[in-house]
């Protein structure tokens, strides 16, 4: 039996990972004690939720998301995390229980 990853493989995402193992480890350590800034409820992943996550990623680069039990009746946490990661074009750092962490490198502002 093949072990399934909690986050999609590089080939499945269609891009090369920007997160190194060291960066991933550092982000996990830093955000383990942080509280979630976004909650996903029974409405699952709505367009408003995606916009809010993108806004926070643009501001902070990293977002911690909590999935409420009502949402877990329809889908698993890893599936929801993978969908959000794909729709926001962010790296999925970790899925732990009902919580996951996303990372997206900030765009550098264009100097004129």
PDB file of N, CA and C in Angstrom:
ATOM      1  N   UNK A   1       0.830  -1.177   0.000  1.00  0.00           N
ATOM      2  CA  UNK A   1       0.000   0.000   0.000  1.00  0.00           C
ATOM      3  C   UNK A   1       0.878   1.246   0.000  1.00  0.00           C
ATOM      4  N   UNK A   2       0.550   2.194  -0.832  1.00  0.00           N
ATOM      5  CA  UNK A   2       1.342   3.397  -0.986  1.00  0.00           C
ATOM      6  C   UNK A   2       0.896   4.451   0.019  1.00  0.00           C
ATOM      7  N   UNK A   3       1.859   5.116   0.636  1.00  0.00           N
ATOM      8  CA  UNK A   3       1.563   6.154   1.610  1.00  0.00           C
ATOM      9  C   UNK A   3       1.130   7.422   0.890  1.00  0.00           C
ATOM     10  N   UNK A   4       0.017   8.024   1.355  1.00  0.00           N
ATOM     11  CA  UNK A   4      -0.500   9.250   0.723  1.00  0.00           C
ATOM     12  C   UNK A   4       0.036  10.467   1.460  1.00  0.00           C
ATOM     13  N   UNK A   5       0.467  11.476   0.695  1.00  0.00           N
ATOM     14  CA  UNK A   5       0.959  12.717   1.285  1.00  0.00           C
ATOM     15  C   UNK A   5      -0.218  13.583   1.702  1.00  0.00           C
ATOM     16  N   UNK A   6      -0.035  14.352   2.753  1.00  0.00           N
ATOM     17  CA  UNK A   6      -1.063  15.290   3.209  1.00  0.00           C
ATOM     18  C   UNK A   6      -1.123  16.495   2.286  1.00  0.00           C
ATOM     19  N   UNK A   7      -0.049  16.737   1.560  1.00  0.00           N
ATOM     20  CA  UNK A   7      -0.026  17.845   0.619  1.00  0.00           C
ATOM     21  C   UNK A   7       0.351  17.303  -0.753  1.00  0.00           C
ATOM     22  N   UNK A   8      -0.101  17.952  -1.836  1.00  0.00           N
ATOM     23  CA  UNK A   8       0.158  17.432  -3.173  1.00  0.00           C
ATOM     24  C   UNK A   8       1.650  17.421  -3.505  1.00  0.00           C
ATOM     25  N   UNK A   9       2.048  16.471  -4.318  1.00  0.00           N
ATOM     26  CA  UNK A   9       3.427  16.397  -4.748  1.00  0.00           C
ATOM     27  C   UNK A   9       3.716  17.502  -5.758  1.00  0.00           C
ATOM     28  N   UNK A  10       4.990  17.791  -5.961  1.00  0.00           N
ATOM     29  CA  UNK A  10       5.380  18.861  -6.887  1.00  0.00           C
ATOM     30  C   UNK A  10       4.799  18.641  -8.283  1.00  0.00           C
ATOM     31  N   UNK A  11       4.838  17.394  -8.739  1.00  0.00           N
ATOM     32  CA  UNK A  11       4.355  17.096 -10.081  1.00  0.00           C
ATOM     33  C   UNK A  11       2.854  17.348 -10.206  1.00  0.00           C
ATOM     34  N   UNK A  12       2.113  17.076  -9.124  1.00  0.00           N
ATOM     35  CA  UNK A  12       0.663  17.279  -9.144  1.00  0.00           C
ATOM     36  C   UNK A  12       0.313  18.754  -9.171  1.00  0.00           C
ATOM     37  N   UNK A  13       1.149  19.592  -8.560  1.00  0.00           N
ATOM     38  CA  UNK A  13       0.876  21.018  -8.527  1.00  0.00           C
ATOM     39  C   UNK A  13       1.297  21.693  -9.821  1.00  0.00           C
ATOM     40  N   UNK A  14       2.185  21.055 -10.575  1.00  0.00           N
ATOM     41  CA  UNK A  14       2.615  21.637 -11.834  1.00  0.00           C
ATOM     42  C   UNK A  14       3.629  22.755 -11.647  1.00  0.00           C
ATOM     43  N   UNK A  15       4.303  22.804 -10.520  1.00  0.00           N
ATOM     44  CA  UNK A  15       5.295  23.837 -10.294  1.00  0.00           C
ATOM     45  C   UNK A  15       6.389  23.284  -9.395  1.00  0.00           C
ATOM     46  N   UNK A  16       7.517  23.954  -9.390  1.00  0.00           N
ATOM     47  CA  UNK A  16       8.617  23.550  -8.536  1.00  0.00           C
ATOM     48  C   UNK A  16       8.427  24.214  -7.181  1.00  0.00           C
ATOM     49  N   UNK A  17       8.615  23.466  -6.124  1.00  0.00           N
ATOM     50  CA  UNK A  17       8.413  23.973  -4.776  1.00  0.00           C
ATOM     51  C   UNK A  17       9.397  25.090  -4.469  1.00  0.00           C
ATOM     52  N   UNK A  18       8.899  26.153  -3.845  1.00  0.00           N
ATOM     53  CA  UNK A  18       9.739  27.265  -3.438  1.00  0.00           C
ATOM     54  C   UNK A  18      10.178  27.108  -1.990  1.00  0.00           C
ATOM     55  N   UNK A  19       9.626  26.142  -1.298  1.00  0.00           N
ATOM     56  CA  UNK A  19       9.953  25.904   0.104  1.00  0.00           C
ATOM     57  C   UNK A  19      11.004  24.817   0.230  1.00  0.00           C
ATOM     58  N   UNK A  20      12.083  25.130   0.915  1.00  0.00           N
ATOM     59  CA  UNK A  20      13.078  24.107   1.186  1.00  0.00           C
ATOM     60  C   UNK A  20      12.665  23.378   2.467  1.00  0.00           C
ATOM     61  N   UNK A  21      13.311  22.279   2.738  1.00  0.00           N
ATOM     62  CA  UNK A  21      12.996  21.508   3.946  1.00  0.00           C
ATOM     63  C   UNK A  21      13.255  22.344   5.197  1.00  0.00           C
ATOM     64  N   UNK A  22      14.304  23.118   5.197  1.00  0.00           N
ATOM     65  CA  UNK A  22      14.620  23.967   6.340  1.00  0.00           C
ATOM     66  C   UNK A  22      13.577  25.049   6.560  1.00  0.00           C
ATOM     67  N   UNK A  23      13.119  25.654   5.463  1.00  0.00           N
ATOM     68  CA  UNK A  23      12.080  26.681   5.573  1.00  0.00           C
ATOM     69  C   UNK A  23      10.783  26.074   6.093  1.00  0.00           C
ATOM     70  N   UNK A  24      10.446  24.905   5.577  1.00  0.00           N
ATOM     71  CA  UNK A  24       9.231  24.214   6.002  1.00  0.00           C
ATOM     72  C   UNK A  24       9.288  23.897   7.502  1.00  0.00           C
ATOM     73  N   UNK A  25      10.447  23.429   7.975  1.00  0.00           N
ATOM     74  CA  UNK A  25      10.647  23.105   9.385  1.00  0.00           C
ATOM     75  C   UNK A  25      10.531  24.371  10.253  1.00  0.00           C
ATOM     76  N   UNK A  26      11.129  25.470   9.788  1.00  0.00           N
ATOM     77  CA  UNK A  26      11.080  26.731  10.536  1.00  0.00           C
ATOM     78  C   UNK A  26       9.654  27.256  10.631  1.00  0.00           C
ATOM     79  N   UNK A  27       8.904  27.195   9.520  1.00  0.00           N
ATOM     80  CA  UNK A  27       7.516  27.659   9.527  1.00  0.00           C
ATOM     81  C   UNK A  27       6.650  26.817  10.457  1.00  0.00           C
ATOM     82  N   UNK A  28       6.857  25.506  10.446  1.00  0.00           N
ATOM     83  CA  UNK A  28       6.100  24.626  11.344  1.00  0.00           C
ATOM     84  C   UNK A  28       6.366  24.992  12.800  1.00  0.00           C
ATOM     85  N   UNK A  29       7.638  25.221  13.117  1.00  0.00           N
ATOM     86  CA  UNK A  29       8.014  25.543  14.488  1.00  0.00           C
ATOM     87  C   UNK A  29       7.436  26.894  14.923  1.00  0.00           C
ATOM     88  N   UNK A  30       7.523  27.896  14.051  1.00  0.00           N
ATOM     89  CA  UNK A  30       7.036  29.231  14.384  1.00  0.00           C
ATOM     90  C   UNK A  30       5.517  29.276  14.551  1.00  0.00           C
ATOM     91  N   UNK A  31       4.799  28.563  13.698  1.00  0.00           N
ATOM     92  CA  UNK A  31       3.343  28.667  13.692  1.00  0.00           C
ATOM     93  C   UNK A  31       2.638  27.605  14.527  1.00  0.00           C
ATOM     94  N   UNK A  32       3.385  26.729  15.173  1.00  0.00           N
ATOM     95  CA  UNK A  32       2.729  25.713  15.998  1.00  0.00           C
ATOM     96  C   UNK A  32       2.010  26.349  17.187  1.00  0.00           C
ATOM     97  N   UNK A  33       2.552  27.434  17.720  1.00  0.00           N
ATOM     98  CA  UNK A  33       1.934  28.075  18.874  1.00  0.00           C
ATOM     99  C   UNK A  33       0.985  29.218  18.494  1.00  0.00           C
ATOM    100  N   UNK A  34       0.987  29.630  17.227  1.00  0.00           N
ATOM    101  CA  UNK A  34       0.110  30.711  16.767  1.00  0.00           C
ATOM    102  C   UNK A  34      -1.339  30.235  16.684  1.00  0.00           C
ATOM    103  N   UNK A  35      -2.264  31.173  16.814  1.00  0.00           N
ATOM    104  CA  UNK A  35      -3.681  30.854  16.651  1.00  0.00           C
ATOM    105  C   UNK A  35      -4.072  31.032  15.192  1.00  0.00           C
ATOM    106  N   UNK A  36      -5.061  30.283  14.718  1.00  0.00           N
ATOM    107  CA  UNK A  36      -5.509  30.427  13.331  1.00  0.00           C
ATOM    108  C   UNK A  36      -6.071  31.826  13.073  1.00  0.00           C
ATOM    109  N   UNK A  37      -5.886  32.299  11.845  1.00  0.00           N
ATOM    110  CA  UNK A  37      -6.419  33.613  11.470  1.00  0.00           C
ATOM    111  C   UNK A  37      -7.626  33.492  10.550  1.00  0.00           C
ATOM    112  N   UNK A  38      -7.870  32.289  10.014  1.00  0.00           N
ATOM    113  CA  UNK A  38      -9.019  32.043   9.140  1.00  0.00           C
ATOM    114  C   UNK A  38      -9.672  30.737   9.564  1.00  0.00           C
ATOM    115  N   UNK A  39     -11.004  30.720   9.556  1.00  0.00           N
ATOM    116  CA  UNK A  39     -11.749  29.505   9.882  1.00  0.00           C
ATOM    117  C   UNK A  39     -12.616  29.122   8.698  1.00  0.00           C
ATOM    118  N   UNK A  40     -12.657  27.822   8.397  1.00  0.00           N
ATOM    119  CA  UNK A  40     -13.505  27.302   7.320  1.00  0.00           C
ATOM    120  C   UNK A  40     -14.634  26.532   7.977  1.00  0.00           C
ATOM    121  N   UNK A  41     -15.870  26.931   7.675  1.00  0.00           N
ATOM    122  CA  UNK A  41     -17.036  26.310   8.297  1.00  0.00           C
ATOM    123  C   UNK A  41     -17.828  25.466   7.329  1.00  0.00           C
ATOM    124  N   UNK A  42     -19.121  25.331   7.608  1.00  0.00           N
ATOM    125  CA  UNK A  42     -19.969  24.438   6.815  1.00  0.00           C
ATOM    126  C   UNK A  42     -20.148  24.907   5.380  1.00  0.00           C
ATOM    127  N   UNK A  43     -19.866  26.170   5.088  1.00  0.00           N
ATOM    128  CA  UNK A  43     -19.923  26.667   3.713  1.00  0.00           C
ATOM    129  C   UNK A  43     -18.742  26.208   2.879  1.00  0.00           C
ATOM    130  N   UNK A  44     -17.826  25.501   3.516  1.00  0.00           N
ATOM    131  CA  UNK A  44     -16.579  25.020   2.917  1.00  0.00           C
ATOM    132  C   UNK A  44     -15.784  26.171   2.322  1.00  0.00           C
ATOM    133  N   UNK A  45     -15.160  25.958   1.175  1.00  0.00           N
ATOM    134  CA  UNK A  45     -14.240  26.945   0.614  1.00  0.00           C
ATOM    135  C   UNK A  45     -15.004  27.854  -0.351  1.00  0.00           C
ATOM    136  N   UNK A  46     -15.498  28.965   0.170  1.00  0.00           N
ATOM    137  CA  UNK A  46     -16.234  29.914  -0.661  1.00  0.00           C
ATOM    138  C   UNK A  46     -15.260  30.902  -1.297  1.00  0.00           C
ATOM    139  N   UNK A  47     -15.761  31.672  -2.226  1.00  0.00           N
ATOM    140  CA  UNK A  47     -14.940  32.674  -2.899  1.00  0.00           C
ATOM    141  C   UNK A  47     -14.465  33.736  -1.905  1.00  0.00           C
ATOM    142  N   UNK A  48     -15.322  34.091  -0.947  1.00  0.00           N
ATOM    143  CA  UNK A  48     -14.938  35.068   0.081  1.00  0.00           C
ATOM    144  C   UNK A  48     -13.798  34.548   0.957  1.00  0.00           C
ATOM    145  N   UNK A  49     -13.843  33.268   1.277  1.00  0.00           N
ATOM    146  CA  UNK A  49     -12.786  32.656   2.080  1.00  0.00           C
ATOM    147  C   UNK A  49     -11.461  32.700   1.328  1.00  0.00           C
ATOM    148  N   UNK A  50     -11.497  32.380   0.049  1.00  0.00           N
ATOM    149  CA  UNK A  50     -10.287  32.406  -0.781  1.00  0.00           C
ATOM    150  C   UNK A  50      -9.729  33.822  -0.853  1.00  0.00           C
ATOM    151  N   UNK A  51     -10.600  34.811  -1.044  1.00  0.00           N
ATOM    152  CA  UNK A  51     -10.145  36.209  -1.107  1.00  0.00           C
ATOM    153  C   UNK A  51      -9.489  36.635   0.198  1.00  0.00           C
ATOM    154  N   UNK A  52     -10.079  36.239   1.324  1.00  0.00           N
ATOM    155  CA  UNK A  52      -9.514  36.589   2.627  1.00  0.00           C
ATOM    156  C   UNK A  52      -8.149  35.933   2.825  1.00  0.00           C
ATOM    157  N   UNK A  53      -8.023  34.676   2.441  1.00  0.00           N
ATOM    158  CA  UNK A  53      -6.742  33.975   2.572  1.00  0.00           C
ATOM    159  C   UNK A  53      -5.693  34.628   1.688  1.00  0.00           C
ATOM    160  N   UNK A  54      -6.068  34.969   0.444  1.00  0.00           N
ATOM    161  CA  UNK A  54      -5.124  35.633  -0.468  1.00  0.00           C
ATOM    162  C   UNK A  54      -4.682  36.979   0.097  1.00  0.00           C
ATOM    163  N   UNK A  55      -5.617  37.719   0.681  1.00  0.00           N
ATOM    164  CA  UNK A  55      -5.301  39.015   1.274  1.00  0.00           C
ATOM    165  C   UNK A  55      -4.296  38.859   2.417  1.00  0.00           C
ATOM    166  N   UNK A  56      -4.517  37.868   3.266  1.00  0.00           N
ATOM    167  CA  UNK A  56      -3.608  37.640   4.382  1.00  0.00           C
ATOM    168  C   UNK A  56      -2.248  37.119   3.917  1.00  0.00           C
ATOM    169  N   UNK A  57      -2.247  36.281   2.870  1.00  0.00           N
ATOM    170  CA  UNK A  57      -0.979  35.793   2.325  1.00  0.00           C
ATOM    171  C   UNK A  57      -0.164  36.948   1.757  1.00  0.00           C
ATOM    172  N   UNK A  58      -0.831  37.883   1.094  1.00  0.00           N
ATOM    173  CA  UNK A  58      -0.149  39.042   0.518  1.00  0.00           C
ATOM    174  C   UNK A  58       0.462  39.902   1.627  1.00  0.00           C
ATOM    175  N   UNK A  59      -0.233  40.000   2.753  1.00  0.00           N
ATOM    176  CA  UNK A  59       0.217  40.831   3.856  1.00  0.00           C
ATOM    177  C   UNK A  59       1.309  40.161   4.693  1.00  0.00           C
ATOM    178  N   UNK A  60       1.143  38.862   5.005  1.00  0.00           N
ATOM    179  CA  UNK A  60       2.027  38.179   5.961  1.00  0.00           C
ATOM    180  C   UNK A  60       2.862  37.043   5.395  1.00  0.00           C
ATOM    181  N   UNK A  61       2.567  36.570   4.214  1.00  0.00           N
ATOM    182  CA  UNK A  61       3.216  35.413   3.575  1.00  0.00           C
ATOM    183  C   UNK A  61       2.741  34.072   4.120  1.00  0.00           C
ATOM    184  N   UNK A  62       2.330  34.008   5.377  1.00  0.00           N
ATOM    185  CA  UNK A  62       1.937  32.737   5.982  1.00  0.00           C
ATOM    186  C   UNK A  62       0.594  32.883   6.685  1.00  0.00           C
ATOM    187  N   UNK A  63      -0.270  31.879   6.515  1.00  0.00           N
ATOM    188  CA  UNK A  63      -1.602  31.908   7.110  1.00  0.00           C
ATOM    189  C   UNK A  63      -1.876  30.552   7.752  1.00  0.00           C
ATOM    190  N   UNK A  64      -2.466  30.600   8.940  1.00  0.00           N
ATOM    191  CA  UNK A  64      -2.872  29.373   9.616  1.00  0.00           C
ATOM    192  C   UNK A  64      -4.393  29.299   9.544  1.00  0.00           C
ATOM    193  N   UNK A  65      -4.915  28.175   9.057  1.00  0.00           N
ATOM    194  CA  UNK A  65      -6.350  28.010   8.815  1.00  0.00           C
ATOM    195  C   UNK A  65      -6.876  26.843   9.641  1.00  0.00           C
ATOM    196  N   UNK A  66      -8.007  27.057  10.288  1.00  0.00           N
ATOM    197  CA  UNK A  66      -8.665  26.019  11.095  1.00  0.00           C
ATOM    198  C   UNK A  66      -9.937  25.586  10.387  1.00  0.00           C
ATOM    199  N   UNK A  67     -10.153  24.296  10.297  1.00  0.00           N
ATOM    200  CA  UNK A  67     -11.362  23.750   9.676  1.00  0.00           C
ATOM    201  C   UNK A  67     -12.290  23.310  10.801  1.00  0.00           C
ATOM    202  N   UNK A  68     -13.486  23.866  10.824  1.00  0.00           N
ATOM    203  CA  UNK A  68     -14.457  23.519  11.858  1.00  0.00           C
ATOM    204  C   UNK A  68     -15.066  22.145  11.590  1.00  0.00           C
ATOM    205  N   UNK A  69     -15.588  21.514  12.616  1.00  0.00           N
ATOM    206  CA  UNK A  69     -16.133  20.156  12.497  1.00  0.00           C
ATOM    207  C   UNK A  69     -17.275  20.062  11.493  1.00  0.00           C
ATOM    208  N   UNK A  70     -18.055  21.130  11.349  1.00  0.00           N
ATOM    209  CA  UNK A  70     -19.173  21.121  10.395  1.00  0.00           C
ATOM    210  C   UNK A  70     -18.678  20.912   8.964  1.00  0.00           C
ATOM    211  N   UNK A  71     -17.515  21.447   8.644  1.00  0.00           N
ATOM    212  CA  UNK A  71     -16.951  21.297   7.297  1.00  0.00           C
ATOM    213  C   UNK A  71     -16.375  19.904   7.092  1.00  0.00           C
ATOM    214  N   UNK A  72     -15.951  19.251   8.154  1.00  0.00           N
ATOM    215  CA  UNK A  72     -15.318  17.941   8.037  1.00  0.00           C
ATOM    216  C   UNK A  72     -16.319  16.819   7.778  1.00  0.00           C
ATOM    217  N   UNK A  73     -17.610  17.112   7.861  1.00  0.00           N
ATOM    218  CA  UNK A  73     -18.621  16.096   7.552  1.00  0.00           C
ATOM    219  C   UNK A  73     -18.663  15.817   6.053  1.00  0.00           C
ATOM    220  N   UNK A  74     -18.291  16.822   5.250  1.00  0.00           N
ATOM    221  CA  UNK A  74     -18.370  16.698   3.796  1.00  0.00           C
ATOM    222  C   UNK A  74     -17.038  16.334   3.146  1.00  0.00           C
ATOM    223  N   UNK A  75     -15.930  16.698   3.768  1.00  0.00           N
ATOM    224  CA  UNK A  75     -14.620  16.422   3.178  1.00  0.00           C
ATOM    225  C   UNK A  75     -13.576  16.286   4.282  1.00  0.00           C
ATOM    226  N   UNK A  76     -12.442  15.659   3.943  1.00  0.00           N
ATOM    227  CA  UNK A  76     -11.348  15.497   4.897  1.00  0.00           C
ATOM    228  C   UNK A  76     -10.501  16.759   4.920  1.00  0.00           C
ATOM    229  N   UNK A  77      -9.792  16.952   6.023  1.00  0.00           N
ATOM    230  CA  UNK A  77      -8.969  18.149   6.199  1.00  0.00           C
ATOM    231  C   UNK A  77      -7.898  18.275   5.112  1.00  0.00           C
ATOM    232  N   UNK A  78      -7.254  17.165   4.766  1.00  0.00           N
ATOM    233  CA  UNK A  78      -6.202  17.200   3.742  1.00  0.00           C
ATOM    234  C   UNK A  78      -6.769  17.593   2.381  1.00  0.00           C
ATOM    235  N   UNK A  79      -7.989  17.142   2.075  1.00  0.00           N
ATOM    236  CA  UNK A  79      -8.624  17.493   0.797  1.00  0.00           C
ATOM    237  C   UNK A  79      -8.948  18.982   0.738  1.00  0.00           C
ATOM    238  N   UNK A  80      -9.492  19.505   1.836  1.00  0.00           N
ATOM    239  CA  UNK A  80      -9.828  20.925   1.894  1.00  0.00           C
ATOM    240  C   UNK A  80      -8.555  21.763   1.797  1.00  0.00           C
ATOM    241  N   UNK A  81      -7.508  21.358   2.512  1.00  0.00           N
ATOM    242  CA  UNK A  81      -6.236  22.079   2.489  1.00  0.00           C
ATOM    243  C   UNK A  81      -5.631  22.086   1.087  1.00  0.00           C
ATOM    244  N   UNK A  82      -5.684  20.948   0.399  1.00  0.00           N
ATOM    245  CA  UNK A  82      -5.146  20.866  -0.960  1.00  0.00           C
ATOM    246  C   UNK A  82      -5.925  21.770  -1.911  1.00  0.00           C
ATOM    247  N   UNK A  83      -7.250  21.813  -1.754  1.00  0.00           N
ATOM    248  CA  UNK A  83      -8.078  22.671  -2.614  1.00  0.00           C
ATOM    249  C   UNK A  83      -7.757  24.147  -2.389  1.00  0.00           C
ATOM    250  N   UNK A  84      -7.648  24.552  -1.130  1.00  0.00           N
ATOM    251  CA  UNK A  84      -7.327  25.954  -0.816  1.00  0.00           C
ATOM    252  C   UNK A  84      -5.942  26.304  -1.342  1.00  0.00           C
ATOM    253  N   UNK A  85      -4.992  25.403  -1.165  1.00  0.00           N
ATOM    254  CA  UNK A  85      -3.631  25.620  -1.649  1.00  0.00           C
ATOM    255  C   UNK A  85      -3.610  25.812  -3.163  1.00  0.00           C
ATOM    256  N   UNK A  86      -4.355  24.993  -3.853  1.00  0.00           N
ATOM    257  CA  UNK A  86      -4.406  25.079  -5.314  1.00  0.00           C
ATOM    258  C   UNK A  86      -5.068  26.378  -5.770  1.00  0.00           C
ATOM    259  N   UNK A  87      -6.189  26.748  -5.140  1.00  0.00           N
ATOM    260  CA  UNK A  87      -6.929  27.940  -5.549  1.00  0.00           C
ATOM    261  C   UNK A  87      -6.207  29.239  -5.214  1.00  0.00           C
ATOM    262  N   UNK A  88      -5.393  29.241  -4.153  1.00  0.00           N
ATOM    263  CA  UNK A  88      -4.651  30.443  -3.779  1.00  0.00           C
ATOM    264  C   UNK A  88      -3.235  30.444  -4.350  1.00  0.00           C
ATOM    265  N   UNK A  89      -2.836  29.345  -4.993  1.00  0.00           N
ATOM    266  CA  UNK A  89      -1.496  29.162  -5.547  1.00  0.00           C
ATOM    267  C   UNK A  89      -0.431  29.321  -4.461  1.00  0.00           C
ATOM    268  N   UNK A  90      -0.721  28.787  -3.276  1.00  0.00           N
ATOM    269  CA  UNK A  90       0.197  28.846  -2.137  1.00  0.00           C
ATOM    270  C   UNK A  90       0.735  27.460  -1.836  1.00  0.00           C
ATOM    271  N   UNK A  91       1.849  27.425  -1.139  1.00  0.00           N
ATOM    272  CA  UNK A  91       2.454  26.162  -0.719  1.00  0.00           C
ATOM    273  C   UNK A  91       1.773  25.672   0.553  1.00  0.00           C
ATOM    274  N   UNK A  92       1.439  24.417   0.580  1.00  0.00           N
ATOM    275  CA  UNK A  92       0.876  23.809   1.780  1.00  0.00           C
ATOM    276  C   UNK A  92       2.035  23.334   2.650  1.00  0.00           C
ATOM    277  N   UNK A  93       2.228  23.992   3.792  1.00  0.00           N
ATOM    278  CA  UNK A  93       3.353  23.684   4.665  1.00  0.00           C
ATOM    279  C   UNK A  93       3.077  22.431   5.474  1.00  0.00           C
ATOM    280  N   UNK A  94       1.879  22.378   6.096  1.00  0.00           N
ATOM    281  CA  UNK A  94       1.578  21.269   6.980  1.00  0.00           C
ATOM    282  C   UNK A  94       0.075  21.160   7.208  1.00  0.00           C
ATOM    283  N   UNK A  95      -0.399  19.917   7.330  1.00  0.00           N
ATOM    284  CA  UNK A  95      -1.768  19.668   7.777  1.00  0.00           C
ATOM    285  C   UNK A  95      -1.650  18.876   9.067  1.00  0.00           C
ATOM    286  N   UNK A  96      -2.174  19.452  10.143  1.00  0.00           N
ATOM    287  CA  UNK A  96      -2.105  18.779  11.440  1.00  0.00           C
ATOM    288  C   UNK A  96      -3.494  18.800  12.048  1.00  0.00           C
ATOM    289  N   UNK A  97      -4.131  17.653  12.075  1.00  0.00           N
ATOM    290  CA  UNK A  97      -5.492  17.564  12.597  1.00  0.00           C
ATOM    291  C   UNK A  97      -6.457  18.334  11.718  1.00  0.00           C
ATOM    292  N   UNK A  98      -7.124  19.336  12.273  1.00  0.00           N
ATOM    293  CA  UNK A  98      -8.080  20.150  11.526  1.00  0.00           C
ATOM    294  C   UNK A  98      -7.496  21.496  11.142  1.00  0.00           C
ATOM    295  N   UNK A  99      -6.182  21.647  11.255  1.00  0.00           N
ATOM    296  CA  UNK A  99      -5.519  22.913  11.012  1.00  0.00           C
ATOM    297  C   UNK A  99      -4.441  22.731   9.952  1.00  0.00           C
ATOM    298  N   UNK A 100      -4.279  23.752   9.102  1.00  0.00           N
ATOM    299  CA  UNK A 100      -3.192  23.701   8.133  1.00  0.00           C
ATOM    300  C   UNK A 100      -2.555  25.069   7.972  1.00  0.00           C
ATOM    301  N   UNK A 101      -1.324  25.060   7.459  1.00  0.00           N
ATOM    302  CA  UNK A 101      -0.547  26.280   7.272  1.00  0.00           C
ATOM    303  C   UNK A 101      -0.230  26.440   5.791  1.00  0.00           C
ATOM    304  N   UNK A 102      -0.440  27.656   5.277  1.00  0.00           N
ATOM    305  CA  UNK A 102      -0.129  27.985   3.895  1.00  0.00           C
ATOM    306  C   UNK A 102       0.973  29.028   3.847  1.00  0.00           C
ATOM    307  N   UNK A 103       1.825  28.939   2.823  1.00  0.00           N
ATOM    308  CA  UNK A 103       2.891  29.918   2.620  1.00  0.00           C
ATOM    309  C   UNK A 103       2.885  30.343   1.161  1.00  0.00           C
ATOM    310  N   UNK A 104       2.982  31.640   0.947  1.00  0.00           N
ATOM    311  CA  UNK A 104       3.103  32.164  -0.413  1.00  0.00           C
ATOM    312  C   UNK A 104       4.062  33.339  -0.368  1.00  0.00           C
ATOM    313  N   UNK A 105       5.104  33.224  -1.140  1.00  0.00           N
ATOM    314  CA  UNK A 105       6.106  34.275  -1.163  1.00  0.00           C
ATOM    315  C   UNK A 105       5.493  35.568  -1.685  1.00  0.00           C
ATOM    316  N   UNK A 106       5.799  36.672  -1.019  1.00  0.00           N
ATOM    317  CA  UNK A 106       5.272  37.976  -1.428  1.00  0.00           C
ATOM    318  C   UNK A 106       5.908  38.428  -2.722  1.00  0.00           C
ATOM    319  N   UNK A 107       5.103  39.073  -3.540  1.00  0.00           N
ATOM    320  CA  UNK A 107       5.653  39.665  -4.763  1.00  0.00           C
ATOM    321  C   UNK A 107       6.388  40.934  -4.395  1.00  0.00           C
ATOM    322  N   UNK A 108       7.512  41.132  -5.010  1.00  0.00           N
ATOM    323  CA  UNK A 108       8.261  42.352  -4.758  1.00  0.00           C
ATOM    324  C   UNK A 108       7.598  43.480  -5.554  1.00  0.00           C
ATOM    325  N   UNK A 109       7.435  44.645  -4.920  1.00  0.00           N
ATOM    326  CA  UNK A 109       6.831  45.753  -5.647  1.00  0.00           C
ATOM    327  C   UNK A 109       7.746  46.230  -6.766  1.00  0.00           C
ATOM    328  N   UNK A 110       7.145  46.614  -7.871  1.00  0.00           N
ATOM    329  CA  UNK A 110       7.891  47.088  -9.028  1.00  0.00           C
ATOM    330  C   UNK A 110       8.329  48.523  -8.759  1.00  0.00           C
ATOM    331  N   UNK A 111       9.633  48.766  -8.849  1.00  0.00           N
ATOM    332  CA  UNK A 111      10.162  50.121  -8.649  1.00  0.00           C
ATOM    333  C   UNK A 111      10.193  50.850  -9.984  1.00  0.00           C
ATOM    334  N   UNK A 112       9.722  52.071  -9.948  1.00  0.00           N
ATOM    335  CA  UNK A 112       9.714  52.858 -11.205  1.00  0.00           C
ATOM    336  C   UNK A 112      10.567  54.068 -11.075  1.00  0.00           C
TER     337      UNK A 112
END
